[in-house]
Amino acid sequence: MRRLSVGRGITLSGEINSCRKLYIEGSVEANLTNCHDLDIAESGLFKGSTSIEEAAVSGRFEGDLTVRKRLLIKATGRVSGTIRYGQIEIECGGQISGDIQAQPAGASDGVVADAAPVRARV
């Protein structure tokens, strides 16, 4: 499996292409393309843009995020920026802010239909 892990205390910046899963415990400032899963640990930070299948955020995400399937924001997670998602789950304590819209299943990147309400599990 093509997996990239960025450990605690590591800072990575630039372009990231073609990884199956990106796991972040450190800090990443990048444009992430052609990746399937994003997992940001509690100590992790991602700044930049990505269009991805699924994401789980326990740390921080700042930037442009398109999640075609499921976006999970854990209790310690903070997501801010321009956010598009197919499905969303927010644990009690998780935070999301910015321009947030649901996109219908099968929508291509950047195409957004009528927004569905954001639902949070609390």
N, C-alpha and C. Protein backbone atom coordinates (compact mmCIF):
# COMPACT_ATOMS: atom_id res chain seq x y z
N MET A 1 0.84 -1.18 0.00
CA MET A 1 0.00 0.00 0.00
C MET A 1 0.89 1.24 0.00
N ARG A 2 0.55 2.20 -0.81
CA ARG A 2 1.30 3.46 -0.87
C ARG A 2 0.84 4.35 0.27
N ARG A 3 1.58 4.34 1.37
CA ARG A 3 1.21 5.11 2.55
C ARG A 3 2.36 6.04 2.91
N LEU A 4 2.01 7.30 3.17
CA LEU A 4 2.99 8.28 3.60
C LEU A 4 2.65 8.71 5.01
N SER A 5 3.60 8.58 5.92
CA SER A 5 3.42 9.00 7.31
C SER A 5 4.38 10.13 7.61
N VAL A 6 3.84 11.20 8.20
CA VAL A 6 4.64 12.34 8.62
C VAL A 6 4.60 12.34 10.14
N GLY A 7 5.72 11.98 10.76
CA GLY A 7 5.78 11.81 12.21
C GLY A 7 5.83 13.11 12.99
N ARG A 8 5.66 12.99 14.30
CA ARG A 8 5.74 14.14 15.20
C ARG A 8 7.08 14.85 15.03
N GLY A 9 7.02 16.17 15.03
CA GLY A 9 8.23 16.95 14.91
C GLY A 9 8.74 17.11 13.49
N ILE A 10 8.08 16.48 12.53
CA ILE A 10 8.48 16.56 11.13
C ILE A 10 7.62 17.61 10.44
N THR A 11 8.26 18.45 9.61
CA THR A 11 7.55 19.44 8.80
C THR A 11 7.82 19.13 7.34
N LEU A 12 6.75 19.05 6.56
CA LEU A 12 6.85 18.72 5.15
C LEU A 12 6.07 19.76 4.36
N SER A 13 6.68 20.27 3.27
CA SER A 13 5.96 21.22 2.43
C SER A 13 6.22 20.91 0.96
N GLY A 14 5.23 21.27 0.13
CA GLY A 14 5.38 21.05 -1.31
C GLY A 14 4.18 20.37 -1.91
N GLU A 15 4.43 19.52 -2.89
CA GLU A 15 3.38 18.77 -3.59
C GLU A 15 3.47 17.31 -3.17
N ILE A 16 2.31 16.71 -2.89
CA ILE A 16 2.25 15.28 -2.59
C ILE A 16 1.31 14.65 -3.60
N ASN A 17 1.80 13.66 -4.34
CA ASN A 17 1.02 13.01 -5.40
C ASN A 17 1.00 11.51 -5.21
N SER A 18 -0.12 10.90 -5.54
CA SER A 18 -0.26 9.45 -5.68
C SER A 18 0.10 8.65 -4.45
N CYS A 19 -0.49 8.96 -3.32
CA CYS A 19 -0.36 8.06 -2.18
C CYS A 19 -1.75 7.55 -1.83
N ARG A 20 -1.83 6.33 -1.39
CA ARG A 20 -3.13 5.75 -1.03
C ARG A 20 -3.65 6.38 0.26
N LYS A 21 -2.74 6.56 1.24
CA LYS A 21 -3.12 7.12 2.54
C LYS A 21 -2.03 8.04 3.04
N LEU A 22 -2.44 9.21 3.53
CA LEU A 22 -1.52 10.15 4.16
C LEU A 22 -1.88 10.25 5.63
N TYR A 23 -0.93 9.92 6.49
CA TYR A 23 -1.13 9.97 7.94
C TYR A 23 -0.20 11.05 8.50
N ILE A 24 -0.79 12.02 9.22
CA ILE A 24 -0.03 13.17 9.68
C ILE A 24 -0.04 13.27 11.20
N GLU A 25 1.15 13.22 11.79
CA GLU A 25 1.32 13.51 13.21
C GLU A 25 2.09 14.83 13.38
N GLY A 26 2.81 15.21 12.35
CA GLY A 26 3.60 16.44 12.35
C GLY A 26 2.85 17.55 11.62
N SER A 27 3.57 18.27 10.76
CA SER A 27 3.00 19.42 10.06
C SER A 27 3.24 19.28 8.56
N VAL A 28 2.17 19.47 7.78
CA VAL A 28 2.26 19.39 6.32
C VAL A 28 1.62 20.63 5.73
N GLU A 29 2.37 21.30 4.84
CA GLU A 29 1.83 22.41 4.07
C GLU A 29 2.01 22.02 2.62
N ALA A 30 0.89 21.65 1.96
CA ALA A 30 1.03 21.06 0.63
C ALA A 30 -0.26 21.11 -0.16
N ASN A 31 -0.09 20.83 -1.45
CA ASN A 31 -1.19 20.53 -2.34
C ASN A 31 -1.17 19.02 -2.49
N LEU A 32 -2.20 18.36 -2.01
CA LEU A 32 -2.28 16.90 -2.01
C LEU A 32 -3.20 16.45 -3.14
N THR A 33 -2.67 15.67 -4.09
CA THR A 33 -3.47 15.19 -5.21
C THR A 33 -3.34 13.69 -5.36
N ASN A 34 -4.39 13.11 -5.95
CA ASN A 34 -4.38 11.69 -6.27
C ASN A 34 -4.13 10.82 -5.04
N CYS A 35 -4.81 11.14 -3.96
CA CYS A 35 -4.71 10.38 -2.71
C CYS A 35 -6.12 9.94 -2.31
N HIS A 36 -6.24 8.82 -1.65
CA HIS A 36 -7.54 8.26 -1.28
C HIS A 36 -7.97 8.66 0.12
N ASP A 37 -7.10 8.48 1.12
CA ASP A 37 -7.45 8.72 2.52
C ASP A 37 -6.49 9.71 3.17
N LEU A 38 -7.05 10.57 4.02
CA LEU A 38 -6.27 11.51 4.82
C LEU A 38 -6.63 11.28 6.27
N ASP A 39 -5.62 11.10 7.11
CA ASP A 39 -5.83 10.88 8.54
C ASP A 39 -4.90 11.82 9.29
N ILE A 40 -5.48 12.78 10.00
CA ILE A 40 -4.69 13.75 10.75
C ILE A 40 -4.82 13.43 12.24
N ALA A 41 -3.71 13.04 12.85
CA ALA A 41 -3.69 12.70 14.27
C ALA A 41 -3.88 13.96 15.12
N GLU A 42 -4.11 13.78 16.40
CA GLU A 42 -4.35 14.90 17.31
C GLU A 42 -3.23 15.93 17.28
N SER A 43 -1.99 15.49 17.10
CA SER A 43 -0.85 16.41 17.05
C SER A 43 -0.59 16.95 15.65
N GLY A 44 -1.36 16.50 14.66
CA GLY A 44 -1.10 16.84 13.26
C GLY A 44 -1.75 18.12 12.78
N LEU A 45 -1.12 18.71 11.76
CA LEU A 45 -1.62 19.92 11.11
C LEU A 45 -1.42 19.79 9.61
N PHE A 46 -2.49 20.04 8.84
CA PHE A 46 -2.40 20.09 7.38
C PHE A 46 -2.87 21.47 6.96
N LYS A 47 -2.03 22.17 6.19
CA LYS A 47 -2.40 23.46 5.59
C LYS A 47 -2.24 23.29 4.09
N GLY A 48 -3.30 23.60 3.36
CA GLY A 48 -3.21 23.48 1.91
C GLY A 48 -4.52 23.09 1.30
N SER A 49 -4.45 22.31 0.22
CA SER A 49 -5.67 21.91 -0.48
C SER A 49 -5.59 20.44 -0.88
N THR A 50 -6.76 19.81 -0.91
CA THR A 50 -6.86 18.44 -1.35
C THR A 50 -8.28 18.09 -1.75
N SER A 51 -8.39 17.16 -2.65
CA SER A 51 -9.65 16.54 -3.01
C SER A 51 -9.43 15.05 -2.81
N ILE A 52 -10.21 14.45 -1.92
CA ILE A 52 -9.90 13.12 -1.41
C ILE A 52 -11.19 12.32 -1.26
N GLU A 53 -11.06 11.01 -1.12
CA GLU A 53 -12.23 10.15 -0.93
C GLU A 53 -12.75 10.25 0.52
N GLU A 54 -11.86 10.02 1.51
CA GLU A 54 -12.27 10.02 2.91
C GLU A 54 -11.22 10.72 3.75
N ALA A 55 -11.69 11.35 4.84
CA ALA A 55 -10.78 12.04 5.75
C ALA A 55 -11.26 11.89 7.19
N ALA A 56 -10.29 11.72 8.09
CA ALA A 56 -10.56 11.70 9.53
C ALA A 56 -9.61 12.71 10.16
N VAL A 57 -10.18 13.67 10.91
CA VAL A 57 -9.39 14.76 11.46
C VAL A 57 -9.49 14.77 12.98
N SER A 58 -8.38 14.48 13.64
CA SER A 58 -8.28 14.60 15.10
C SER A 58 -7.46 15.83 15.46
N GLY A 59 -6.66 16.31 14.53
CA GLY A 59 -5.83 17.51 14.72
C GLY A 59 -6.45 18.69 14.02
N ARG A 60 -5.66 19.37 13.15
CA ARG A 60 -6.15 20.57 12.47
C ARG A 60 -5.98 20.46 10.96
N PHE A 61 -7.00 20.94 10.25
CA PHE A 61 -6.94 21.11 8.80
C PHE A 61 -7.29 22.55 8.51
N GLU A 62 -6.45 23.22 7.69
CA GLU A 62 -6.70 24.61 7.30
C GLU A 62 -6.51 24.72 5.79
N GLY A 63 -7.57 25.11 5.07
CA GLY A 63 -7.43 25.28 3.63
C GLY A 63 -8.65 24.84 2.88
N ASP A 64 -8.42 24.29 1.68
CA ASP A 64 -9.49 23.83 0.80
C ASP A 64 -9.57 22.31 0.88
N LEU A 65 -10.73 21.81 1.32
CA LEU A 65 -10.90 20.37 1.51
C LEU A 65 -12.16 19.91 0.80
N THR A 66 -12.00 18.97 -0.13
CA THR A 66 -13.13 18.31 -0.75
C THR A 66 -13.03 16.83 -0.42
N VAL A 67 -14.06 16.32 0.26
CA VAL A 67 -14.12 14.91 0.63
C VAL A 67 -15.32 14.31 -0.10
N ARG A 68 -15.05 13.46 -1.07
CA ARG A 68 -16.12 12.93 -1.91
C ARG A 68 -17.03 11.97 -1.15
N LYS A 69 -16.50 11.28 -0.17
CA LYS A 69 -17.33 10.34 0.61
C LYS A 69 -17.52 10.88 2.03
N ARG A 70 -16.77 10.39 3.01
CA ARG A 70 -17.04 10.68 4.42
C ARG A 70 -15.94 11.53 5.05
N LEU A 71 -16.38 12.62 5.67
CA LEU A 71 -15.50 13.47 6.48
C LEU A 71 -15.86 13.24 7.93
N LEU A 72 -14.89 12.78 8.72
CA LEU A 72 -15.07 12.55 10.15
C LEU A 72 -14.21 13.55 10.90
N ILE A 73 -14.86 14.36 11.73
CA ILE A 73 -14.13 15.30 12.58
C ILE A 73 -14.26 14.79 14.00
N LYS A 74 -13.14 14.35 14.56
CA LYS A 74 -13.12 13.80 15.91
C LYS A 74 -13.28 14.91 16.94
N ALA A 75 -13.46 14.55 18.20
CA ALA A 75 -13.70 15.51 19.27
C ALA A 75 -12.60 16.57 19.37
N THR A 76 -11.37 16.21 19.06
CA THR A 76 -10.24 17.14 19.14
C THR A 76 -9.94 17.81 17.80
N GLY A 77 -10.72 17.49 16.77
CA GLY A 77 -10.47 17.98 15.42
C GLY A 77 -10.96 19.40 15.19
N ARG A 78 -10.21 20.13 14.37
CA ARG A 78 -10.54 21.51 13.98
C ARG A 78 -10.35 21.61 12.47
N VAL A 79 -11.41 21.93 11.75
CA VAL A 79 -11.35 22.04 10.29
C VAL A 79 -11.83 23.44 9.92
N SER A 80 -11.02 24.15 9.13
CA SER A 80 -11.42 25.49 8.71
C SER A 80 -11.00 25.72 7.27
N GLY A 81 -11.82 26.53 6.58
CA GLY A 81 -11.52 26.86 5.19
C GLY A 81 -12.73 26.67 4.31
N THR A 82 -12.48 26.23 3.08
CA THR A 82 -13.54 25.92 2.13
C THR A 82 -13.71 24.41 2.15
N ILE A 83 -14.85 23.95 2.66
CA ILE A 83 -15.07 22.53 2.92
C ILE A 83 -16.24 22.03 2.08
N ARG A 84 -16.02 20.96 1.33
CA ARG A 84 -17.05 20.27 0.57
C ARG A 84 -17.00 18.81 0.99
N TYR A 85 -18.18 18.18 1.16
CA TYR A 85 -18.19 16.80 1.64
C TYR A 85 -19.40 16.06 1.08
N GLY A 86 -19.27 14.74 1.01
CA GLY A 86 -20.39 13.88 0.66
C GLY A 86 -21.22 13.56 1.89
N GLN A 87 -20.55 13.09 2.95
CA GLN A 87 -21.16 12.82 4.25
C GLN A 87 -20.26 13.42 5.30
N ILE A 88 -20.85 13.80 6.44
CA ILE A 88 -20.05 14.39 7.51
C ILE A 88 -20.50 13.84 8.85
N GLU A 89 -19.52 13.60 9.72
CA GLU A 89 -19.79 13.23 11.10
C GLU A 89 -18.87 14.08 11.97
N ILE A 90 -19.46 14.74 12.96
CA ILE A 90 -18.69 15.58 13.86
C ILE A 90 -18.93 15.09 15.28
N GLU A 91 -17.88 14.63 15.94
CA GLU A 91 -18.02 14.20 17.33
C GLU A 91 -18.18 15.42 18.22
N CYS A 92 -18.78 15.22 19.38
CA CYS A 92 -18.95 16.30 20.35
C CYS A 92 -17.58 16.90 20.67
N GLY A 93 -17.46 18.22 20.48
CA GLY A 93 -16.19 18.91 20.70
C GLY A 93 -15.47 19.25 19.42
N GLY A 94 -15.75 18.53 18.34
CA GLY A 94 -15.14 18.82 17.05
C GLY A 94 -15.64 20.15 16.52
N GLN A 95 -14.79 20.84 15.74
CA GLN A 95 -15.16 22.16 15.24
C GLN A 95 -14.93 22.24 13.74
N ILE A 96 -15.84 22.97 13.06
CA ILE A 96 -15.72 23.22 11.63
C ILE A 96 -16.15 24.66 11.38
N SER A 97 -15.38 25.36 10.54
CA SER A 97 -15.72 26.75 10.25
C SER A 97 -15.27 27.10 8.83
N GLY A 98 -15.96 28.08 8.26
CA GLY A 98 -15.61 28.53 6.92
C GLY A 98 -16.78 28.39 5.97
N ASP A 99 -16.48 28.20 4.69
CA ASP A 99 -17.47 28.01 3.64
C ASP A 99 -17.70 26.51 3.54
N ILE A 100 -18.84 26.04 4.06
CA ILE A 100 -19.09 24.60 4.20
C ILE A 100 -20.32 24.22 3.41
N GLN A 101 -20.19 23.22 2.52
CA GLN A 101 -21.33 22.77 1.73
C GLN A 101 -21.25 21.28 1.48
N ALA A 102 -22.45 20.66 1.47
CA ALA A 102 -22.54 19.26 1.07
C ALA A 102 -22.52 19.21 -0.45
N GLN A 103 -22.00 18.12 -0.97
CA GLN A 103 -22.07 17.91 -2.42
C GLN A 103 -22.71 16.56 -2.65
N PRO A 104 -23.54 16.45 -3.67
CA PRO A 104 -24.23 15.19 -3.93
C PRO A 104 -23.24 14.09 -4.32
N ALA A 105 -23.63 12.86 -4.06
CA ALA A 105 -22.80 11.72 -4.43
C ALA A 105 -22.54 11.77 -5.93
N GLY A 106 -21.30 11.53 -6.31
CA GLY A 106 -20.93 11.50 -7.71
C GLY A 106 -20.63 12.86 -8.31
N ALA A 107 -20.72 13.93 -7.50
CA ALA A 107 -20.40 15.26 -8.03
C ALA A 107 -18.91 15.34 -8.29
N SER A 108 -18.55 16.02 -9.37
CA SER A 108 -17.14 16.20 -9.66
C SER A 108 -16.60 17.34 -8.80
N ASP A 109 -15.30 17.43 -8.68
CA ASP A 109 -14.65 18.46 -7.87
C ASP A 109 -15.11 19.84 -8.32
N GLY A 110 -15.45 20.67 -7.33
CA GLY A 110 -15.81 22.04 -7.62
C GLY A 110 -17.25 22.25 -8.02
N VAL A 111 -18.01 21.17 -8.22
CA VAL A 111 -19.42 21.30 -8.57
C VAL A 111 -20.23 21.03 -7.33
N VAL A 112 -21.00 22.02 -6.91
CA VAL A 112 -21.77 21.89 -5.68
C VAL A 112 -23.22 22.17 -5.99
N ALA A 113 -24.09 21.27 -5.55
CA ALA A 113 -25.52 21.48 -5.72
C ALA A 113 -26.06 22.16 -4.48
N ASP A 114 -27.38 22.16 -4.33
CA ASP A 114 -27.96 22.76 -3.13
C ASP A 114 -27.35 22.14 -1.90
N ALA A 115 -26.98 22.98 -0.94
CA ALA A 115 -26.33 22.52 0.28
C ALA A 115 -27.31 21.83 1.20
N ALA A 116 -26.89 20.71 1.76
CA ALA A 116 -27.67 20.02 2.79
C ALA A 116 -27.21 20.51 4.14
N PRO A 117 -28.04 20.42 5.15
CA PRO A 117 -27.63 20.90 6.46
C PRO A 117 -26.50 20.06 7.04
N VAL A 118 -25.67 20.70 7.80
CA VAL A 118 -24.59 20.01 8.51
C VAL A 118 -25.19 19.36 9.74
N ARG A 119 -24.87 18.10 9.96
CA ARG A 119 -25.38 17.39 11.13
C ARG A 119 -24.23 16.99 12.02
N ALA A 120 -24.40 17.18 13.29
CA ALA A 120 -23.35 16.83 14.25
C ALA A 120 -23.90 15.85 15.26
N ARG A 121 -23.08 14.88 15.62
CA ARG A 121 -23.43 13.97 16.70
C ARG A 121 -22.92 14.55 17.99
N VAL A 122 -23.79 14.84 18.91
CA VAL A 122 -23.37 15.39 20.20
C VAL A 122 -24.00 14.63 21.33
